């Protein structure tokens, strides 16, 4: 993602630099691509009516944001960096916080204290989806049930370890990452060529 894709206020921030140099695993998070015409990431004001966000119940997460419709300094001017489940992922250039914006509910909630947390959660889940194997009776003596128990334990470990560093991704059952974690624990989201998918679906 080139620096020129970000609005000027965000181009030189630590979050933008991480997205340009490290990136985010794309198995669970879909990164936005700059538009073909201008080569820019969409802004919040391009994907949702910013005026409607002023009454959003989710804005208790956003402190000190006067003038939401100010494209230069308010929520409307934040770049949309990705998509997770039903939510746009947006970056606040000033704080580095990543927010989840639900375009249907018009709710904004803090999702990560910074982009490094987003990268870490996406990486941990992607690795689990690519490497986890349920095993069989001949391997662990417990069959599929034991495999699901181990999988649930691995997902819970991610929740706990991430939560010690950043409380936002799993702070309650309604965050998009909590929903993704539940889906993974139920055996969903495994790519077709992964050990987990082969043991579940043959």
N, C-alpha and C. Protein backbone atom coordinates (compact mmCIF):
# COMPACT_ATOMS: atom_id res chain seq x y z
N UNK A 1 0.85 -1.17 0.00
CA UNK A 1 0.00 0.00 0.00
C UNK A 1 0.90 1.24 0.00
N UNK A 2 0.95 1.99 -1.07
CA UNK A 2 1.86 3.13 -1.15
C UNK A 2 1.45 4.27 -0.23
N UNK A 3 2.45 5.06 0.19
CA UNK A 3 2.18 6.19 1.08
C UNK A 3 1.19 7.15 0.44
N UNK A 4 1.26 7.29 -0.88
CA UNK A 4 0.38 8.24 -1.58
C UNK A 4 -1.08 7.83 -1.51
N UNK A 5 -1.36 6.58 -1.10
CA UNK A 5 -2.75 6.13 -1.01
C UNK A 5 -3.46 6.72 0.20
N UNK A 6 -2.69 7.17 1.19
CA UNK A 6 -3.25 7.71 2.42
C UNK A 6 -3.47 9.21 2.29
N UNK A 7 -4.48 9.74 3.00
CA UNK A 7 -4.60 11.20 3.04
C UNK A 7 -3.37 11.79 3.73
N UNK A 8 -3.02 13.05 3.43
CA UNK A 8 -1.79 13.64 3.98
C UNK A 8 -1.64 13.49 5.48
N UNK A 9 -2.75 13.62 6.23
CA UNK A 9 -2.67 13.54 7.70
C UNK A 9 -2.26 12.16 8.18
N UNK A 10 -2.45 11.13 7.34
CA UNK A 10 -2.17 9.76 7.77
C UNK A 10 -0.92 9.17 7.13
N UNK A 11 -0.44 9.78 6.06
CA UNK A 11 0.61 9.15 5.25
C UNK A 11 1.89 8.87 6.02
N UNK A 12 2.21 9.72 6.99
CA UNK A 12 3.48 9.58 7.70
C UNK A 12 3.33 8.97 9.08
N UNK A 13 2.18 8.46 9.40
CA UNK A 13 1.95 7.92 10.74
C UNK A 13 2.54 6.52 10.85
N UNK A 14 2.74 6.09 12.09
CA UNK A 14 3.29 4.75 12.33
C UNK A 14 2.37 3.67 11.76
N UNK A 15 1.05 3.87 11.90
CA UNK A 15 0.11 2.87 11.39
C UNK A 15 0.22 2.71 9.89
N UNK A 16 0.32 3.83 9.17
CA UNK A 16 0.44 3.77 7.71
C UNK A 16 1.75 3.09 7.32
N UNK A 17 2.82 3.39 8.05
CA UNK A 17 4.11 2.76 7.74
C UNK A 17 4.06 1.25 7.94
N UNK A 18 3.39 0.81 9.01
CA UNK A 18 3.26 -0.63 9.25
C UNK A 18 2.47 -1.30 8.13
N UNK A 19 1.40 -0.67 7.70
CA UNK A 19 0.59 -1.25 6.63
C UNK A 19 1.38 -1.32 5.33
N UNK A 20 2.26 -0.35 5.10
CA UNK A 20 3.05 -0.34 3.86
C UNK A 20 4.17 -1.36 3.90
N UNK A 21 4.79 -1.54 5.06
CA UNK A 21 5.99 -2.38 5.13
C UNK A 21 5.70 -3.80 5.58
N UNK A 22 4.83 -3.97 6.58
CA UNK A 22 4.54 -5.30 7.13
C UNK A 22 3.28 -5.88 6.50
N UNK A 23 2.25 -5.05 6.38
CA UNK A 23 0.98 -5.54 5.85
C UNK A 23 0.20 -6.34 6.87
N UNK A 24 -0.91 -6.89 6.43
CA UNK A 24 -1.79 -7.69 7.30
C UNK A 24 -2.12 -8.98 6.57
N UNK A 25 -2.01 -10.15 7.23
CA UNK A 25 -2.42 -11.39 6.57
C UNK A 25 -3.85 -11.28 6.06
N UNK A 26 -4.09 -11.75 4.84
CA UNK A 26 -5.38 -11.52 4.21
C UNK A 26 -6.35 -12.69 4.31
N UNK A 27 -6.09 -13.63 5.20
CA UNK A 27 -7.02 -14.74 5.35
C UNK A 27 -8.28 -14.36 6.09
N UNK A 28 -8.17 -13.44 7.05
CA UNK A 28 -9.34 -13.02 7.81
C UNK A 28 -9.68 -11.56 7.54
N UNK A 29 -8.67 -10.74 7.34
CA UNK A 29 -8.86 -9.31 7.07
C UNK A 29 -8.65 -9.07 5.58
N UNK A 30 -9.56 -8.32 4.98
CA UNK A 30 -9.41 -7.94 3.58
C UNK A 30 -8.94 -6.48 3.55
N UNK A 31 -7.70 -6.26 3.13
CA UNK A 31 -7.20 -4.89 3.03
C UNK A 31 -7.83 -4.18 1.84
N UNK A 32 -8.14 -2.90 2.03
CA UNK A 32 -8.67 -2.10 0.92
C UNK A 32 -7.55 -1.75 -0.03
N UNK A 33 -7.87 -1.71 -1.31
CA UNK A 33 -6.92 -1.28 -2.32
C UNK A 33 -7.23 0.15 -2.71
N UNK A 34 -6.19 0.93 -3.00
CA UNK A 34 -6.44 2.30 -3.47
C UNK A 34 -7.29 2.30 -4.73
N UNK A 35 -8.10 3.35 -4.89
CA UNK A 35 -8.94 3.46 -6.09
C UNK A 35 -8.10 3.59 -7.35
N UNK A 36 -8.60 3.06 -8.44
CA UNK A 36 -7.86 3.08 -9.69
C UNK A 36 -7.70 4.48 -10.25
N UNK A 37 -8.70 5.33 -10.03
CA UNK A 37 -8.66 6.67 -10.62
C UNK A 37 -7.61 7.56 -9.97
N UNK A 38 -7.72 7.74 -8.66
CA UNK A 38 -6.84 8.68 -7.97
C UNK A 38 -5.74 8.00 -7.17
N UNK A 39 -5.81 6.68 -7.04
CA UNK A 39 -4.80 5.96 -6.27
C UNK A 39 -4.89 6.19 -4.77
N UNK A 40 -6.08 6.54 -4.27
CA UNK A 40 -6.28 6.84 -2.85
C UNK A 40 -7.18 5.81 -2.20
N UNK A 41 -6.95 5.58 -0.90
CA UNK A 41 -7.87 4.77 -0.13
C UNK A 41 -9.17 5.54 0.06
N UNK A 42 -10.31 4.85 0.14
CA UNK A 42 -11.55 5.57 0.44
C UNK A 42 -11.48 6.14 1.85
N UNK A 43 -12.24 7.19 2.07
CA UNK A 43 -12.35 7.79 3.39
C UNK A 43 -13.69 7.39 4.00
N UNK A 44 -13.81 7.56 5.31
CA UNK A 44 -15.06 7.23 5.99
C UNK A 44 -16.23 7.93 5.32
N UNK A 45 -16.04 9.20 4.95
CA UNK A 45 -17.14 9.96 4.33
C UNK A 45 -17.53 9.40 2.96
N UNK A 46 -16.70 8.54 2.39
CA UNK A 46 -17.02 7.91 1.10
C UNK A 46 -17.87 6.65 1.26
N UNK A 47 -17.87 6.07 2.46
CA UNK A 47 -18.56 4.79 2.65
C UNK A 47 -19.77 4.87 3.56
N UNK A 48 -19.94 5.97 4.27
CA UNK A 48 -21.09 6.11 5.17
C UNK A 48 -21.38 7.59 5.34
N UNK A 49 -22.62 7.91 5.65
CA UNK A 49 -22.99 9.30 5.91
C UNK A 49 -22.46 9.70 7.28
N UNK A 50 -21.46 10.57 7.28
CA UNK A 50 -20.81 10.94 8.53
C UNK A 50 -21.78 11.64 9.47
N UNK A 51 -22.70 12.39 8.92
CA UNK A 51 -23.68 13.08 9.76
C UNK A 51 -24.47 12.12 10.62
N UNK A 52 -24.77 10.95 10.08
CA UNK A 52 -25.53 9.96 10.86
C UNK A 52 -24.72 9.40 12.02
N UNK A 53 -23.39 9.44 11.91
CA UNK A 53 -22.54 8.92 12.98
C UNK A 53 -22.59 9.79 14.23
N UNK A 54 -22.98 11.04 14.08
CA UNK A 54 -23.01 11.93 15.24
C UNK A 54 -23.98 11.44 16.30
N UNK A 55 -24.97 10.68 15.90
CA UNK A 55 -25.93 10.13 16.86
C UNK A 55 -25.64 8.68 17.18
N UNK A 56 -24.50 8.19 16.70
CA UNK A 56 -24.18 6.78 16.89
C UNK A 56 -23.92 6.45 18.35
N UNK A 57 -24.49 5.33 18.80
CA UNK A 57 -24.25 4.90 20.18
C UNK A 57 -22.80 4.46 20.36
N UNK A 58 -22.11 4.21 19.26
CA UNK A 58 -20.73 3.77 19.36
C UNK A 58 -19.74 4.89 19.56
N UNK A 59 -20.21 6.13 19.48
CA UNK A 59 -19.27 7.24 19.56
C UNK A 59 -18.78 7.51 20.97
N UNK A 60 -19.25 6.76 21.96
CA UNK A 60 -18.66 6.93 23.29
C UNK A 60 -17.21 6.47 23.26
N UNK A 61 -16.84 5.66 22.26
CA UNK A 61 -15.46 5.23 22.13
C UNK A 61 -14.56 6.33 21.58
N UNK A 62 -15.15 7.33 20.96
CA UNK A 62 -14.37 8.36 20.29
C UNK A 62 -14.38 9.61 21.15
N UNK A 63 -13.27 9.89 21.78
CA UNK A 63 -13.22 11.01 22.69
C UNK A 63 -12.66 12.25 21.99
N UNK A 64 -13.27 13.38 22.27
CA UNK A 64 -12.74 14.65 21.78
C UNK A 64 -12.81 14.82 20.29
N UNK A 65 -13.83 14.26 19.65
CA UNK A 65 -13.92 14.38 18.19
C UNK A 65 -15.00 15.38 17.82
N UNK A 66 -14.68 16.67 17.97
CA UNK A 66 -15.61 17.69 17.54
C UNK A 66 -15.54 17.80 16.02
N UNK A 67 -16.66 18.13 15.41
CA UNK A 67 -16.67 18.34 13.97
C UNK A 67 -16.45 17.07 13.19
N UNK A 68 -17.36 16.11 13.37
CA UNK A 68 -17.19 14.82 12.70
C UNK A 68 -17.15 14.95 11.18
N UNK A 69 -17.81 15.98 10.64
CA UNK A 69 -17.90 16.08 9.19
C UNK A 69 -16.73 16.86 8.60
N UNK A 70 -15.81 17.29 9.43
CA UNK A 70 -14.62 17.99 8.94
C UNK A 70 -13.70 16.98 8.28
N UNK A 71 -13.67 16.99 6.96
CA UNK A 71 -12.92 15.96 6.23
C UNK A 71 -11.44 16.00 6.54
N UNK A 72 -10.91 17.15 6.94
CA UNK A 72 -9.47 17.25 7.20
C UNK A 72 -9.10 16.67 8.55
N UNK A 73 -9.94 16.88 9.57
CA UNK A 73 -9.53 16.48 10.90
C UNK A 73 -10.48 15.57 11.63
N UNK A 74 -11.66 15.31 11.08
CA UNK A 74 -12.62 14.49 11.77
C UNK A 74 -12.71 13.09 11.22
N UNK A 75 -13.70 12.36 11.73
CA UNK A 75 -13.89 10.97 11.33
C UNK A 75 -14.05 10.84 9.81
N UNK A 76 -14.70 11.81 9.21
CA UNK A 76 -14.94 11.74 7.76
C UNK A 76 -13.68 11.64 6.94
N UNK A 77 -12.57 12.17 7.46
CA UNK A 77 -11.32 12.15 6.72
C UNK A 77 -10.41 10.99 7.05
N UNK A 78 -10.87 10.08 7.88
CA UNK A 78 -10.04 8.91 8.21
C UNK A 78 -10.04 7.92 7.04
N UNK A 79 -8.88 7.30 6.76
CA UNK A 79 -8.84 6.31 5.67
C UNK A 79 -9.45 4.98 6.09
N UNK A 80 -10.15 4.36 5.15
CA UNK A 80 -10.70 3.01 5.34
C UNK A 80 -9.61 2.05 4.87
N UNK A 81 -9.06 1.27 5.79
CA UNK A 81 -7.89 0.45 5.47
C UNK A 81 -8.24 -1.01 5.21
N UNK A 82 -9.45 -1.44 5.57
CA UNK A 82 -9.76 -2.84 5.38
C UNK A 82 -11.21 -3.16 5.68
N UNK A 83 -11.49 -4.45 5.65
CA UNK A 83 -12.84 -4.95 5.86
C UNK A 83 -12.74 -6.24 6.67
N UNK A 84 -13.55 -6.37 7.71
CA UNK A 84 -13.57 -7.57 8.54
C UNK A 84 -15.02 -7.88 8.88
N UNK A 85 -15.47 -9.05 8.46
CA UNK A 85 -16.89 -9.42 8.58
C UNK A 85 -17.76 -8.35 7.92
N UNK A 86 -18.59 -7.68 8.72
CA UNK A 86 -19.51 -6.69 8.19
C UNK A 86 -19.02 -5.26 8.43
N UNK A 87 -17.79 -5.10 8.87
CA UNK A 87 -17.32 -3.78 9.31
C UNK A 87 -16.15 -3.27 8.48
N UNK A 88 -16.20 -1.97 8.19
CA UNK A 88 -15.03 -1.29 7.62
C UNK A 88 -14.02 -1.07 8.75
N UNK A 89 -12.74 -1.26 8.45
CA UNK A 89 -11.68 -0.94 9.40
C UNK A 89 -11.13 0.42 9.02
N UNK A 90 -11.17 1.35 9.97
CA UNK A 90 -10.71 2.71 9.68
C UNK A 90 -9.62 3.10 10.67
N UNK A 91 -8.69 3.93 10.18
CA UNK A 91 -7.53 4.33 10.98
C UNK A 91 -7.65 5.79 11.37
N UNK A 92 -7.57 6.05 12.68
CA UNK A 92 -7.49 7.42 13.17
C UNK A 92 -6.03 7.83 13.11
N UNK A 93 -5.66 8.73 12.20
CA UNK A 93 -4.25 9.09 12.04
C UNK A 93 -3.65 9.72 13.29
N UNK A 94 -4.46 10.44 14.06
CA UNK A 94 -3.92 11.16 15.22
C UNK A 94 -3.51 10.20 16.33
N UNK A 95 -4.36 9.24 16.67
CA UNK A 95 -4.09 8.34 17.79
C UNK A 95 -3.48 7.02 17.33
N UNK A 96 -3.66 6.65 16.07
CA UNK A 96 -3.21 5.35 15.58
C UNK A 96 -4.21 4.24 15.86
N UNK A 97 -5.33 4.57 16.50
CA UNK A 97 -6.34 3.57 16.84
C UNK A 97 -7.05 3.09 15.58
N UNK A 98 -7.36 1.80 15.54
CA UNK A 98 -8.15 1.23 14.45
C UNK A 98 -9.57 1.03 14.96
N UNK A 99 -10.54 1.52 14.20
CA UNK A 99 -11.94 1.41 14.57
C UNK A 99 -12.68 0.50 13.59
N UNK A 100 -13.72 -0.15 14.10
CA UNK A 100 -14.64 -0.93 13.25
C UNK A 100 -15.89 -0.09 13.05
N UNK A 101 -16.22 0.16 11.80
CA UNK A 101 -17.38 0.97 11.45
C UNK A 101 -18.39 0.07 10.76
N UNK A 102 -19.53 -0.11 11.39
CA UNK A 102 -20.60 -0.92 10.83
C UNK A 102 -21.47 -0.01 9.97
N UNK A 103 -21.44 -0.16 8.64
CA UNK A 103 -22.18 0.77 7.78
C UNK A 103 -23.70 0.60 7.88
N UNK A 104 -24.16 -0.58 8.26
CA UNK A 104 -25.60 -0.79 8.39
C UNK A 104 -26.14 -0.19 9.68
N UNK A 105 -25.44 -0.45 10.76
CA UNK A 105 -25.87 0.07 12.06
C UNK A 105 -25.38 1.50 12.30
N UNK A 106 -24.43 1.96 11.46
CA UNK A 106 -23.84 3.29 11.60
C UNK A 106 -23.26 3.47 13.00
N UNK A 107 -22.49 2.46 13.41
CA UNK A 107 -21.85 2.46 14.72
C UNK A 107 -20.35 2.34 14.53
N UNK A 108 -19.61 3.11 15.32
CA UNK A 108 -18.15 3.07 15.30
C UNK A 108 -17.68 2.59 16.67
N UNK A 109 -16.79 1.58 16.67
CA UNK A 109 -16.27 1.07 17.94
C UNK A 109 -14.77 0.88 17.82
N UNK A 110 -14.05 1.21 18.89
CA UNK A 110 -12.62 0.96 18.91
C UNK A 110 -12.34 -0.53 18.81
N UNK A 111 -11.41 -0.92 17.91
CA UNK A 111 -11.12 -2.34 17.71
C UNK A 111 -9.68 -2.69 18.06
N UNK A 112 -8.75 -1.76 17.84
CA UNK A 112 -7.34 -1.98 18.16
C UNK A 112 -6.74 -0.66 18.63
N UNK A 113 -5.88 -0.75 19.63
CA UNK A 113 -5.22 0.48 20.08
C UNK A 113 -4.23 1.00 19.04
N UNK A 114 -3.72 0.11 18.19
CA UNK A 114 -2.84 0.54 17.10
C UNK A 114 -2.80 -0.54 16.03
N UNK A 115 -2.16 -0.22 14.91
CA UNK A 115 -2.12 -1.14 13.77
C UNK A 115 -1.32 -2.40 14.10
N UNK A 116 -0.31 -2.28 14.97
CA UNK A 116 0.47 -3.48 15.30
C UNK A 116 -0.40 -4.54 15.96
N UNK A 117 -1.40 -4.12 16.72
CA UNK A 117 -2.33 -5.06 17.34
C UNK A 117 -3.17 -5.75 16.27
N UNK A 118 -3.62 -4.99 15.28
CA UNK A 118 -4.38 -5.57 14.16
C UNK A 118 -3.54 -6.62 13.44
N UNK A 119 -2.28 -6.29 13.16
CA UNK A 119 -1.39 -7.22 12.48
C UNK A 119 -1.21 -8.49 13.31
N UNK A 120 -1.01 -8.33 14.62
CA UNK A 120 -0.77 -9.48 15.50
C UNK A 120 -1.98 -10.42 15.55
N UNK A 121 -3.18 -9.86 15.73
CA UNK A 121 -4.38 -10.71 15.81
C UNK A 121 -4.59 -11.45 14.48
N UNK A 122 -4.48 -10.71 13.37
CA UNK A 122 -4.68 -11.33 12.06
C UNK A 122 -3.65 -12.43 11.82
N UNK A 123 -2.40 -12.17 12.20
CA UNK A 123 -1.34 -13.16 12.01
C UNK A 123 -1.59 -14.40 12.86
N UNK A 124 -1.97 -14.22 14.12
CA UNK A 124 -2.18 -15.36 15.02
C UNK A 124 -3.32 -16.25 14.51
N UNK A 125 -4.42 -15.64 14.09
CA UNK A 125 -5.54 -16.43 13.60
C UNK A 125 -5.22 -17.07 12.25
N UNK A 126 -4.52 -16.34 11.39
CA UNK A 126 -4.17 -16.91 10.08
C UNK A 126 -3.28 -18.14 10.25
N UNK A 127 -2.31 -18.04 11.14
CA UNK A 127 -1.42 -19.19 11.38
C UNK A 127 -2.21 -20.37 11.93
N UNK A 128 -3.15 -20.11 12.84
CA UNK A 128 -3.97 -21.18 13.39
C UNK A 128 -4.80 -21.85 12.29
N UNK A 129 -5.38 -21.04 11.41
CA UNK A 129 -6.20 -21.58 10.32
C UNK A 129 -5.38 -22.40 9.33
N UNK A 130 -4.14 -22.01 9.12
CA UNK A 130 -3.30 -22.69 8.14
C UNK A 130 -2.61 -23.94 8.69
N UNK A 131 -2.37 -23.98 10.03
CA UNK A 131 -1.55 -25.05 10.58
C UNK A 131 -2.29 -26.04 11.47
N UNK A 132 -3.47 -25.67 11.97
CA UNK A 132 -4.14 -26.55 12.93
C UNK A 132 -4.61 -27.83 12.26
N UNK A 133 -4.34 -28.96 12.90
CA UNK A 133 -4.80 -30.26 12.41
C UNK A 133 -5.63 -30.92 13.51
N UNK A 134 -6.80 -31.40 13.16
CA UNK A 134 -7.67 -32.02 14.15
C UNK A 134 -7.14 -33.38 14.58
N UNK A 135 -6.46 -34.07 13.69
CA UNK A 135 -5.97 -35.39 14.04
C UNK A 135 -7.08 -36.41 14.03
N UNK A 136 -6.72 -37.64 14.25
CA UNK A 136 -7.71 -38.72 14.26
C UNK A 136 -7.49 -39.62 15.46
N UNK A 137 -8.29 -40.66 15.54
CA UNK A 137 -8.18 -41.59 16.67
C UNK A 137 -6.78 -42.18 16.76
N UNK A 138 -6.17 -42.41 15.60
CA UNK A 138 -4.86 -43.06 15.62
C UNK A 138 -3.76 -42.08 16.06
N UNK A 139 -4.08 -40.81 16.12
CA UNK A 139 -3.05 -39.82 16.49
C UNK A 139 -3.18 -39.41 17.95
N UNK A 140 -4.37 -38.94 18.33
CA UNK A 140 -4.50 -38.42 19.70
C UNK A 140 -5.47 -39.20 20.56
N UNK A 141 -6.08 -40.23 20.01
CA UNK A 141 -6.96 -41.06 20.81
C UNK A 141 -8.28 -40.44 21.15
N UNK A 142 -8.54 -39.22 20.67
CA UNK A 142 -9.78 -38.57 21.05
C UNK A 142 -10.69 -38.23 19.91
N UNK A 143 -10.23 -38.40 18.68
CA UNK A 143 -11.07 -38.12 17.53
C UNK A 143 -11.39 -36.65 17.39
N UNK A 144 -12.48 -36.40 16.67
CA UNK A 144 -12.85 -35.04 16.30
C UNK A 144 -13.21 -34.19 17.52
N UNK A 145 -13.89 -34.78 18.51
CA UNK A 145 -14.27 -34.01 19.69
C UNK A 145 -13.05 -33.45 20.40
N UNK A 146 -12.04 -34.28 20.54
CA UNK A 146 -10.81 -33.82 21.18
C UNK A 146 -10.15 -32.73 20.35
N UNK A 147 -10.25 -32.85 19.02
CA UNK A 147 -9.70 -31.82 18.15
C UNK A 147 -10.38 -30.49 18.34
N UNK A 148 -11.70 -30.51 18.44
CA UNK A 148 -12.42 -29.26 18.67
C UNK A 148 -12.09 -28.66 20.04
N UNK A 149 -11.87 -29.52 21.01
CA UNK A 149 -11.49 -29.04 22.34
C UNK A 149 -10.13 -28.35 22.29
N UNK A 150 -9.19 -28.96 21.56
CA UNK A 150 -7.88 -28.33 21.40
C UNK A 150 -7.99 -27.01 20.64
N UNK A 151 -8.82 -27.00 19.58
CA UNK A 151 -9.00 -25.79 18.79
C UNK A 151 -9.58 -24.66 19.65
N UNK A 152 -10.57 -24.99 20.44
CA UNK A 152 -11.17 -23.98 21.32
C UNK A 152 -10.14 -23.43 22.30
N UNK A 153 -9.26 -24.31 22.80
CA UNK A 153 -8.21 -23.88 23.70
C UNK A 153 -7.22 -22.94 23.01
N UNK A 154 -6.89 -23.25 21.75
CA UNK A 154 -5.97 -22.38 21.00
C UNK A 154 -6.58 -21.01 20.76
N UNK A 155 -7.86 -20.98 20.40
CA UNK A 155 -8.54 -19.70 20.18
C UNK A 155 -8.59 -18.90 21.48
N UNK A 156 -8.88 -19.59 22.57
CA UNK A 156 -8.95 -18.90 23.87
C UNK A 156 -7.58 -18.35 24.26
N UNK A 157 -6.53 -19.07 23.92
CA UNK A 157 -5.18 -18.58 24.22
C UNK A 157 -4.88 -17.30 23.46
N UNK A 158 -5.31 -17.24 22.20
CA UNK A 158 -5.13 -16.00 21.43
C UNK A 158 -5.88 -14.85 22.11
N UNK A 159 -7.12 -15.10 22.50
CA UNK A 159 -7.91 -14.06 23.17
C UNK A 159 -7.19 -13.54 24.42
N UNK A 160 -6.73 -14.46 25.24
CA UNK A 160 -6.12 -14.07 26.51
C UNK A 160 -4.80 -13.34 26.30
N UNK A 161 -3.95 -13.86 25.42
CA UNK A 161 -2.64 -13.25 25.23
C UNK A 161 -2.75 -11.88 24.57
N UNK A 162 -3.65 -11.74 23.61
CA UNK A 162 -3.85 -10.44 22.99
C UNK A 162 -4.47 -9.47 24.00
N UNK A 163 -5.43 -9.97 24.78
CA UNK A 163 -6.12 -9.13 25.75
C UNK A 163 -5.19 -8.53 26.80
N UNK A 164 -4.07 -9.20 27.09
CA UNK A 164 -3.13 -8.66 28.06
C UNK A 164 -2.39 -7.44 27.50
N UNK A 165 -2.32 -7.35 26.18
CA UNK A 165 -1.60 -6.25 25.53
C UNK A 165 -2.57 -5.18 25.03
N UNK A 166 -3.70 -5.63 24.47
CA UNK A 166 -4.69 -4.71 23.90
C UNK A 166 -6.08 -5.24 24.26
N UNK A 167 -6.82 -4.56 25.13
CA UNK A 167 -8.12 -5.08 25.55
C UNK A 167 -9.23 -4.91 24.52
N UNK A 168 -9.01 -4.12 23.47
CA UNK A 168 -10.10 -3.79 22.56
C UNK A 168 -10.59 -4.93 21.66
N UNK A 169 -9.72 -5.75 21.05
CA UNK A 169 -10.23 -6.72 20.08
C UNK A 169 -11.25 -7.71 20.63
N UNK A 170 -11.11 -8.10 21.90
CA UNK A 170 -11.99 -9.11 22.48
C UNK A 170 -12.67 -8.60 23.75
N UNK A 171 -12.93 -7.32 23.81
CA UNK A 171 -13.44 -6.77 25.07
C UNK A 171 -14.85 -7.23 25.40
N UNK A 172 -15.63 -7.63 24.39
CA UNK A 172 -16.94 -8.23 24.66
C UNK A 172 -17.28 -9.17 23.51
N UNK A 173 -18.42 -9.82 23.60
CA UNK A 173 -18.80 -10.83 22.61
C UNK A 173 -19.25 -10.24 21.29
N UNK A 174 -19.41 -8.91 21.22
CA UNK A 174 -19.96 -8.30 20.01
C UNK A 174 -18.89 -7.71 19.10
N UNK A 175 -17.63 -7.68 19.52
CA UNK A 175 -16.61 -7.16 18.62
C UNK A 175 -16.48 -8.11 17.44
N UNK A 176 -16.07 -7.57 16.28
CA UNK A 176 -15.96 -8.43 15.10
C UNK A 176 -14.93 -9.52 15.31
N UNK A 177 -13.86 -9.25 16.06
CA UNK A 177 -12.87 -10.29 16.31
C UNK A 177 -13.44 -11.40 17.21
N UNK A 178 -14.31 -11.05 18.14
CA UNK A 178 -14.93 -12.08 18.98
C UNK A 178 -15.78 -13.01 18.13
N UNK A 179 -16.50 -12.43 17.15
CA UNK A 179 -17.32 -13.25 16.26
C UNK A 179 -16.44 -14.15 15.40
N UNK A 180 -15.34 -13.60 14.87
CA UNK A 180 -14.41 -14.40 14.07
C UNK A 180 -13.83 -15.53 14.92
N UNK A 181 -13.44 -15.23 16.15
CA UNK A 181 -12.87 -16.24 17.04
C UNK A 181 -13.86 -17.37 17.28
N UNK A 182 -15.13 -17.03 17.48
CA UNK A 182 -16.16 -18.05 17.69
C UNK A 182 -16.31 -18.92 16.45
N UNK A 183 -16.28 -18.29 15.27
CA UNK A 183 -16.40 -19.06 14.02
C UNK A 183 -15.24 -20.03 13.85
N UNK A 184 -14.03 -19.56 14.16
CA UNK A 184 -12.86 -20.44 14.05
C UNK A 184 -12.98 -21.61 15.02
N UNK A 185 -13.40 -21.33 16.25
CA UNK A 185 -13.54 -22.39 17.25
C UNK A 185 -14.58 -23.43 16.85
N UNK A 186 -15.53 -23.03 16.00
CA UNK A 186 -16.56 -23.97 15.52
C UNK A 186 -16.12 -24.72 14.26
N UNK A 187 -14.86 -24.49 13.84
CA UNK A 187 -14.34 -25.21 12.68
C UNK A 187 -14.61 -24.53 11.36
N UNK A 188 -15.02 -23.26 11.40
CA UNK A 188 -15.25 -22.52 10.17
C UNK A 188 -13.99 -21.74 9.78
N UNK A 189 -13.97 -21.24 8.56
CA UNK A 189 -12.92 -20.36 8.06
C UNK A 189 -11.62 -21.07 7.68
N UNK A 190 -11.54 -22.38 7.81
CA UNK A 190 -10.30 -23.06 7.42
C UNK A 190 -10.19 -23.10 5.90
N UNK A 191 -9.06 -22.63 5.35
CA UNK A 191 -8.89 -22.71 3.89
C UNK A 191 -8.88 -24.15 3.43
N UNK A 192 -9.35 -24.40 2.20
CA UNK A 192 -9.56 -25.75 1.71
C UNK A 192 -8.31 -26.61 1.66
N UNK A 193 -7.14 -25.99 1.54
CA UNK A 193 -5.91 -26.79 1.45
C UNK A 193 -5.19 -26.92 2.78
N UNK A 194 -5.85 -26.52 3.88
CA UNK A 194 -5.22 -26.57 5.20
C UNK A 194 -5.44 -27.93 5.85
N UNK A 195 -4.57 -28.33 6.80
CA UNK A 195 -4.78 -29.61 7.51
C UNK A 195 -6.13 -29.67 8.21
N UNK A 196 -6.58 -28.55 8.79
CA UNK A 196 -7.86 -28.53 9.47
C UNK A 196 -9.01 -28.81 8.53
N UNK A 197 -8.99 -28.18 7.36
CA UNK A 197 -10.08 -28.38 6.39
C UNK A 197 -10.06 -29.81 5.86
N UNK A 198 -8.87 -30.35 5.59
CA UNK A 198 -8.79 -31.72 5.06
C UNK A 198 -9.33 -32.73 6.08
N UNK A 199 -9.02 -32.51 7.37
CA UNK A 199 -9.50 -33.47 8.37
C UNK A 199 -10.99 -33.31 8.62
N UNK A 200 -11.53 -32.11 8.42
CA UNK A 200 -12.97 -31.90 8.62
C UNK A 200 -13.79 -32.32 7.43
N UNK A 201 -13.30 -31.96 6.23
CA UNK A 201 -14.12 -32.13 5.03
C UNK A 201 -13.59 -33.18 4.05
N UNK A 202 -12.43 -33.76 4.37
CA UNK A 202 -11.87 -34.79 3.51
C UNK A 202 -11.16 -34.22 2.29
